[in-house]
Amino acid sequence: MTGNYLLDVFVVAGIIAAGLGLLFVLGRIGRRLWRIFQGVDDFLDDWRGQPARPGHPPQPGVMERLEVIEHEVQTNDGSSLKDAVRRVEEKLTTHLENLED
């Protein structure tokens, strides 16, 4: 290399230290990326839902949950939340009108 034994030892040690430092930095970056990908995977699992498995009930996906919400905020056969609020409002209005009389 340079012809000076001691200088060659330091050059090789510097190359090894730089390589180990680079591996450490790449490992940290890789670990952070892995955490990000795990979070995305968890999000997608929640979005799609999970089938039933031993000891765990099925988890509906986002679209299934939105269908339930849609059912509750539209008038239908009287079982929705909107229908219940409408019934309470009508009874309250009737009650307040009776109190005024």
N, C-alpha and C. Protein backbone atom coordinates (compact mmCIF):
# COMPACT_ATOMS: atom_id res chain seq x y z
N MET A 1 0.82 -1.18 0.00
CA MET A 1 0.00 0.00 0.00
C MET A 1 0.87 1.25 0.00
N THR A 2 1.20 1.79 1.19
CA THR A 2 2.01 3.00 1.23
C THR A 2 3.49 2.69 1.42
N GLY A 3 3.80 1.50 1.85
CA GLY A 3 5.19 1.13 2.12
C GLY A 3 5.54 1.30 3.58
N ASN A 4 4.79 2.09 4.30
CA ASN A 4 5.01 2.28 5.73
C ASN A 4 4.05 1.35 6.46
N TYR A 5 4.59 0.38 7.22
CA TYR A 5 3.77 -0.64 7.87
C TYR A 5 2.76 -0.02 8.83
N LEU A 6 3.19 0.89 9.68
CA LEU A 6 2.32 1.49 10.68
C LEU A 6 1.20 2.29 10.01
N LEU A 7 1.54 3.03 8.96
CA LEU A 7 0.52 3.78 8.23
C LEU A 7 -0.48 2.85 7.57
N ASP A 8 -0.01 1.74 7.04
CA ASP A 8 -0.91 0.75 6.42
C ASP A 8 -1.89 0.18 7.44
N VAL A 9 -1.41 -0.08 8.65
CA VAL A 9 -2.29 -0.61 9.72
C VAL A 9 -3.39 0.40 10.03
N PHE A 10 -3.03 1.68 10.12
CA PHE A 10 -4.04 2.69 10.40
C PHE A 10 -5.03 2.87 9.24
N VAL A 11 -4.55 2.76 8.03
CA VAL A 11 -5.44 2.86 6.87
C VAL A 11 -6.44 1.72 6.88
N VAL A 12 -5.95 0.51 7.11
CA VAL A 12 -6.84 -0.66 7.16
C VAL A 12 -7.82 -0.54 8.32
N ALA A 13 -7.34 -0.09 9.49
CA ALA A 13 -8.23 0.08 10.65
C ALA A 13 -9.29 1.14 10.34
N GLY A 14 -8.90 2.22 9.65
CA GLY A 14 -9.87 3.24 9.28
C GLY A 14 -10.90 2.73 8.31
N ILE A 15 -10.47 1.92 7.36
CA ILE A 15 -11.42 1.32 6.41
C ILE A 15 -12.39 0.40 7.13
N ILE A 16 -11.88 -0.41 8.04
CA ILE A 16 -12.75 -1.32 8.82
C ILE A 16 -13.72 -0.52 9.68
N ALA A 17 -13.24 0.54 10.35
CA ALA A 17 -14.11 1.37 11.20
C ALA A 17 -15.19 2.05 10.36
N ALA A 18 -14.80 2.55 9.19
CA ALA A 18 -15.79 3.19 8.33
C ALA A 18 -16.82 2.18 7.85
N GLY A 19 -16.39 0.97 7.52
CA GLY A 19 -17.33 -0.08 7.09
C GLY A 19 -18.29 -0.47 8.19
N LEU A 20 -17.76 -0.60 9.42
CA LEU A 20 -18.64 -0.93 10.55
C LEU A 20 -19.62 0.20 10.85
N GLY A 21 -19.14 1.44 10.74
CA GLY A 21 -20.02 2.58 10.94
C GLY A 21 -21.13 2.61 9.90
N LEU A 22 -20.76 2.34 8.66
CA LEU A 22 -21.77 2.30 7.59
C LEU A 22 -22.79 1.20 7.84
N LEU A 23 -22.31 0.03 8.27
CA LEU A 23 -23.24 -1.07 8.58
C LEU A 23 -24.18 -0.69 9.72
N PHE A 24 -23.65 0.01 10.73
CA PHE A 24 -24.48 0.44 11.85
C PHE A 24 -25.57 1.41 11.38
N VAL A 25 -25.18 2.39 10.57
CA VAL A 25 -26.15 3.38 10.07
C VAL A 25 -27.19 2.69 9.19
N LEU A 26 -26.76 1.80 8.31
CA LEU A 26 -27.70 1.09 7.45
C LEU A 26 -28.64 0.21 8.29
N GLY A 27 -28.13 -0.37 9.36
CA GLY A 27 -28.97 -1.16 10.26
C GLY A 27 -30.04 -0.33 10.93
N ARG A 28 -29.67 0.88 11.37
CA ARG A 28 -30.64 1.77 12.00
C ARG A 28 -31.71 2.21 11.00
N ILE A 29 -31.28 2.55 9.80
CA ILE A 29 -32.23 2.94 8.76
C ILE A 29 -33.15 1.78 8.43
N GLY A 30 -32.58 0.59 8.32
CA GLY A 30 -33.38 -0.59 8.02
C GLY A 30 -34.39 -0.88 9.12
N ARG A 31 -33.99 -0.68 10.37
CA ARG A 31 -34.92 -0.93 11.47
C ARG A 31 -36.08 0.07 11.46
N ARG A 32 -35.78 1.33 11.15
CA ARG A 32 -36.85 2.33 11.05
C ARG A 32 -37.79 2.03 9.89
N LEU A 33 -37.23 1.65 8.77
CA LEU A 33 -38.07 1.29 7.62
C LEU A 33 -38.94 0.08 7.95
N TRP A 34 -38.39 -0.88 8.67
CA TRP A 34 -39.16 -2.06 9.06
C TRP A 34 -40.35 -1.67 9.92
N ARG A 35 -40.13 -0.73 10.86
CA ARG A 35 -41.23 -0.26 11.71
C ARG A 35 -42.30 0.44 10.89
N ILE A 36 -41.87 1.23 9.92
CA ILE A 36 -42.85 1.91 9.06
C ILE A 36 -43.65 0.89 8.27
N PHE A 37 -42.99 -0.10 7.71
CA PHE A 37 -43.70 -1.13 6.94
C PHE A 37 -44.62 -1.94 7.84
N GLN A 38 -44.22 -2.20 9.07
CA GLN A 38 -45.09 -2.91 10.00
C GLN A 38 -46.35 -2.09 10.27
N GLY A 39 -46.19 -0.77 10.43
CA GLY A 39 -47.35 0.10 10.65
C GLY A 39 -48.29 0.09 9.46
N VAL A 40 -47.72 0.12 8.26
CA VAL A 40 -48.55 0.07 7.05
C VAL A 40 -49.28 -1.27 6.98
N ASP A 41 -48.58 -2.35 7.33
CA ASP A 41 -49.20 -3.68 7.32
C ASP A 41 -50.33 -3.76 8.34
N ASP A 42 -50.12 -3.19 9.54
CA ASP A 42 -51.19 -3.17 10.55
C ASP A 42 -52.38 -2.36 10.05
N PHE A 43 -52.12 -1.23 9.41
CA PHE A 43 -53.20 -0.41 8.86
C PHE A 43 -53.99 -1.20 7.82
N LEU A 44 -53.29 -1.88 6.93
CA LEU A 44 -53.98 -2.65 5.89
C LEU A 44 -54.78 -3.80 6.49
N ASP A 45 -54.26 -4.43 7.54
CA ASP A 45 -55.02 -5.48 8.22
C ASP A 45 -56.31 -4.92 8.80
N ASP A 46 -56.23 -3.74 9.41
CA ASP A 46 -57.43 -3.10 9.96
C ASP A 46 -58.39 -2.70 8.84
N TRP A 47 -57.87 -2.24 7.73
CA TRP A 47 -58.70 -1.82 6.60
C TRP A 47 -59.47 -3.01 6.02
N ARG A 48 -58.77 -4.11 5.82
CA ARG A 48 -59.39 -5.29 5.20
C ARG A 48 -60.20 -6.12 6.18
N GLY A 49 -59.86 -6.06 7.47
CA GLY A 49 -60.52 -6.88 8.46
C GLY A 49 -59.79 -8.21 8.60
N GLN A 50 -60.19 -8.96 9.61
CA GLN A 50 -59.55 -10.24 9.89
C GLN A 50 -60.61 -11.32 10.04
N PRO A 51 -60.38 -12.48 9.46
CA PRO A 51 -61.34 -13.58 9.66
C PRO A 51 -61.22 -14.13 11.08
N ALA A 52 -62.22 -14.88 11.48
CA ALA A 52 -62.20 -15.50 12.81
C ALA A 52 -61.08 -16.52 12.87
N ARG A 53 -60.49 -16.62 14.06
CA ARG A 53 -59.45 -17.63 14.30
C ARG A 53 -59.66 -18.13 15.72
N PRO A 54 -59.05 -19.22 16.09
CA PRO A 54 -59.31 -19.79 17.41
C PRO A 54 -59.06 -18.78 18.54
N GLY A 55 -60.08 -18.54 19.32
CA GLY A 55 -59.96 -17.62 20.45
C GLY A 55 -60.20 -16.16 20.12
N HIS A 56 -60.42 -15.84 18.85
CA HIS A 56 -60.63 -14.45 18.44
C HIS A 56 -61.81 -14.37 17.48
N PRO A 57 -62.72 -13.45 17.75
CA PRO A 57 -63.85 -13.27 16.82
C PRO A 57 -63.36 -12.57 15.55
N PRO A 58 -64.13 -12.63 14.48
CA PRO A 58 -63.72 -11.92 13.27
C PRO A 58 -63.78 -10.41 13.48
N GLN A 59 -62.88 -9.70 12.83
CA GLN A 59 -62.89 -8.24 12.87
C GLN A 59 -63.32 -7.74 11.51
N PRO A 60 -64.41 -6.98 11.45
CA PRO A 60 -64.84 -6.48 10.15
C PRO A 60 -63.88 -5.41 9.64
N GLY A 61 -63.80 -5.30 8.33
CA GLY A 61 -62.97 -4.28 7.71
C GLY A 61 -63.67 -2.93 7.72
N VAL A 62 -63.00 -1.94 7.23
CA VAL A 62 -63.53 -0.58 7.24
C VAL A 62 -64.82 -0.48 6.42
N MET A 63 -64.85 -1.10 5.27
CA MET A 63 -66.04 -0.99 4.42
C MET A 63 -67.25 -1.65 5.08
N GLU A 64 -67.04 -2.77 5.77
CA GLU A 64 -68.15 -3.40 6.48
C GLU A 64 -68.65 -2.51 7.61
N ARG A 65 -67.72 -1.86 8.33
CA ARG A 65 -68.12 -0.97 9.42
C ARG A 65 -68.86 0.26 8.88
N LEU A 66 -68.44 0.74 7.72
CA LEU A 66 -69.14 1.88 7.13
C LEU A 66 -70.56 1.52 6.71
N GLU A 67 -70.77 0.27 6.29
CA GLU A 67 -72.13 -0.16 5.96
C GLU A 67 -73.03 -0.12 7.18
N VAL A 68 -72.48 -0.50 8.34
CA VAL A 68 -73.26 -0.45 9.58
C VAL A 68 -73.60 1.00 9.92
N ILE A 69 -72.63 1.87 9.78
CA ILE A 69 -72.87 3.29 10.06
C ILE A 69 -73.91 3.84 9.10
N GLU A 70 -73.80 3.50 7.84
CA GLU A 70 -74.77 3.97 6.85
C GLU A 70 -76.18 3.51 7.23
N HIS A 71 -76.30 2.28 7.71
CA HIS A 71 -77.60 1.75 8.13
C HIS A 71 -78.17 2.58 9.28
N GLU A 72 -77.29 3.02 10.18
CA GLU A 72 -77.76 3.73 11.37
C GLU A 72 -78.13 5.18 11.09
N VAL A 73 -77.60 5.80 10.05
CA VAL A 73 -77.87 7.22 9.82
C VAL A 73 -78.92 7.45 8.74
N GLN A 74 -79.54 6.39 8.26
CA GLN A 74 -80.62 6.53 7.28
C GLN A 74 -81.90 5.95 7.88
N THR A 75 -83.02 6.55 7.50
CA THR A 75 -84.29 6.00 7.98
C THR A 75 -84.55 4.68 7.27
N ASN A 76 -85.07 3.74 8.02
CA ASN A 76 -85.40 2.43 7.44
C ASN A 76 -86.63 1.88 8.15
N ASP A 77 -86.57 0.70 8.63
CA ASP A 77 -87.74 0.04 9.22
C ASP A 77 -87.98 0.45 10.67
N GLY A 78 -87.28 1.46 11.16
CA GLY A 78 -87.47 1.92 12.53
C GLY A 78 -86.40 1.46 13.49
N SER A 79 -85.45 0.69 13.02
CA SER A 79 -84.43 0.17 13.92
C SER A 79 -83.13 0.97 13.88
N SER A 80 -83.08 2.01 13.07
CA SER A 80 -81.83 2.77 12.97
C SER A 80 -81.77 3.85 14.05
N LEU A 81 -80.60 4.36 14.27
CA LEU A 81 -80.41 5.42 15.24
C LEU A 81 -81.17 6.68 14.82
N LYS A 82 -81.17 6.95 13.55
CA LYS A 82 -81.89 8.13 13.05
C LYS A 82 -83.38 8.01 13.35
N ASP A 83 -83.95 6.81 13.17
CA ASP A 83 -85.37 6.61 13.48
C ASP A 83 -85.62 6.79 14.98
N ALA A 84 -84.71 6.30 15.81
CA ALA A 84 -84.88 6.44 17.26
C ALA A 84 -84.83 7.90 17.67
N VAL A 85 -83.91 8.67 17.10
CA VAL A 85 -83.81 10.09 17.41
C VAL A 85 -85.07 10.81 16.96
N ARG A 86 -85.59 10.45 15.82
CA ARG A 86 -86.81 11.07 15.33
C ARG A 86 -87.98 10.79 16.28
N ARG A 87 -88.08 9.53 16.78
CA ARG A 87 -89.16 9.20 17.72
C ARG A 87 -89.04 9.99 19.00
N VAL A 88 -87.80 10.11 19.52
CA VAL A 88 -87.59 10.87 20.76
C VAL A 88 -87.93 12.34 20.53
N GLU A 89 -87.55 12.87 19.40
CA GLU A 89 -87.83 14.28 19.10
C GLU A 89 -89.34 14.51 19.02
N GLU A 90 -90.09 13.60 18.39
CA GLU A 90 -91.54 13.75 18.29
C GLU A 90 -92.19 13.68 19.67
N LYS A 91 -91.73 12.74 20.50
CA LYS A 91 -92.31 12.62 21.85
C LYS A 91 -91.98 13.85 22.68
N LEU A 92 -90.77 14.36 22.57
CA LEU A 92 -90.39 15.55 23.32
C LEU A 92 -91.19 16.76 22.87
N THR A 93 -91.39 16.90 21.57
CA THR A 93 -92.19 18.01 21.05
C THR A 93 -93.62 17.91 21.57
N THR A 94 -94.19 16.71 21.53
CA THR A 94 -95.55 16.50 22.05
C THR A 94 -95.61 16.82 23.52
N HIS A 95 -94.63 16.38 24.27
CA HIS A 95 -94.58 16.62 25.71
C HIS A 95 -94.48 18.11 26.01
N LEU A 96 -93.63 18.81 25.28
CA LEU A 96 -93.48 20.26 25.50
C LEU A 96 -94.75 21.01 25.11
N GLU A 97 -95.43 20.56 24.05
CA GLU A 97 -96.70 21.20 23.67
C GLU A 97 -97.75 20.99 24.73
N ASN A 98 -97.77 19.82 25.33
CA ASN A 98 -98.74 19.54 26.43
C ASN A 98 -98.44 20.39 27.66
N LEU A 99 -97.16 20.64 27.91
CA LEU A 99 -96.81 21.47 29.06
C LEU A 99 -97.21 22.92 28.84
N GLU A 100 -97.15 23.40 27.61
CA GLU A 100 -97.52 24.78 27.31
C GLU A 100 -99.01 25.01 27.43
N ASP A 101 -99.79 23.96 27.20
CA ASP A 101 -101.26 24.10 27.24
C ASP A 101 -101.78 24.14 28.63
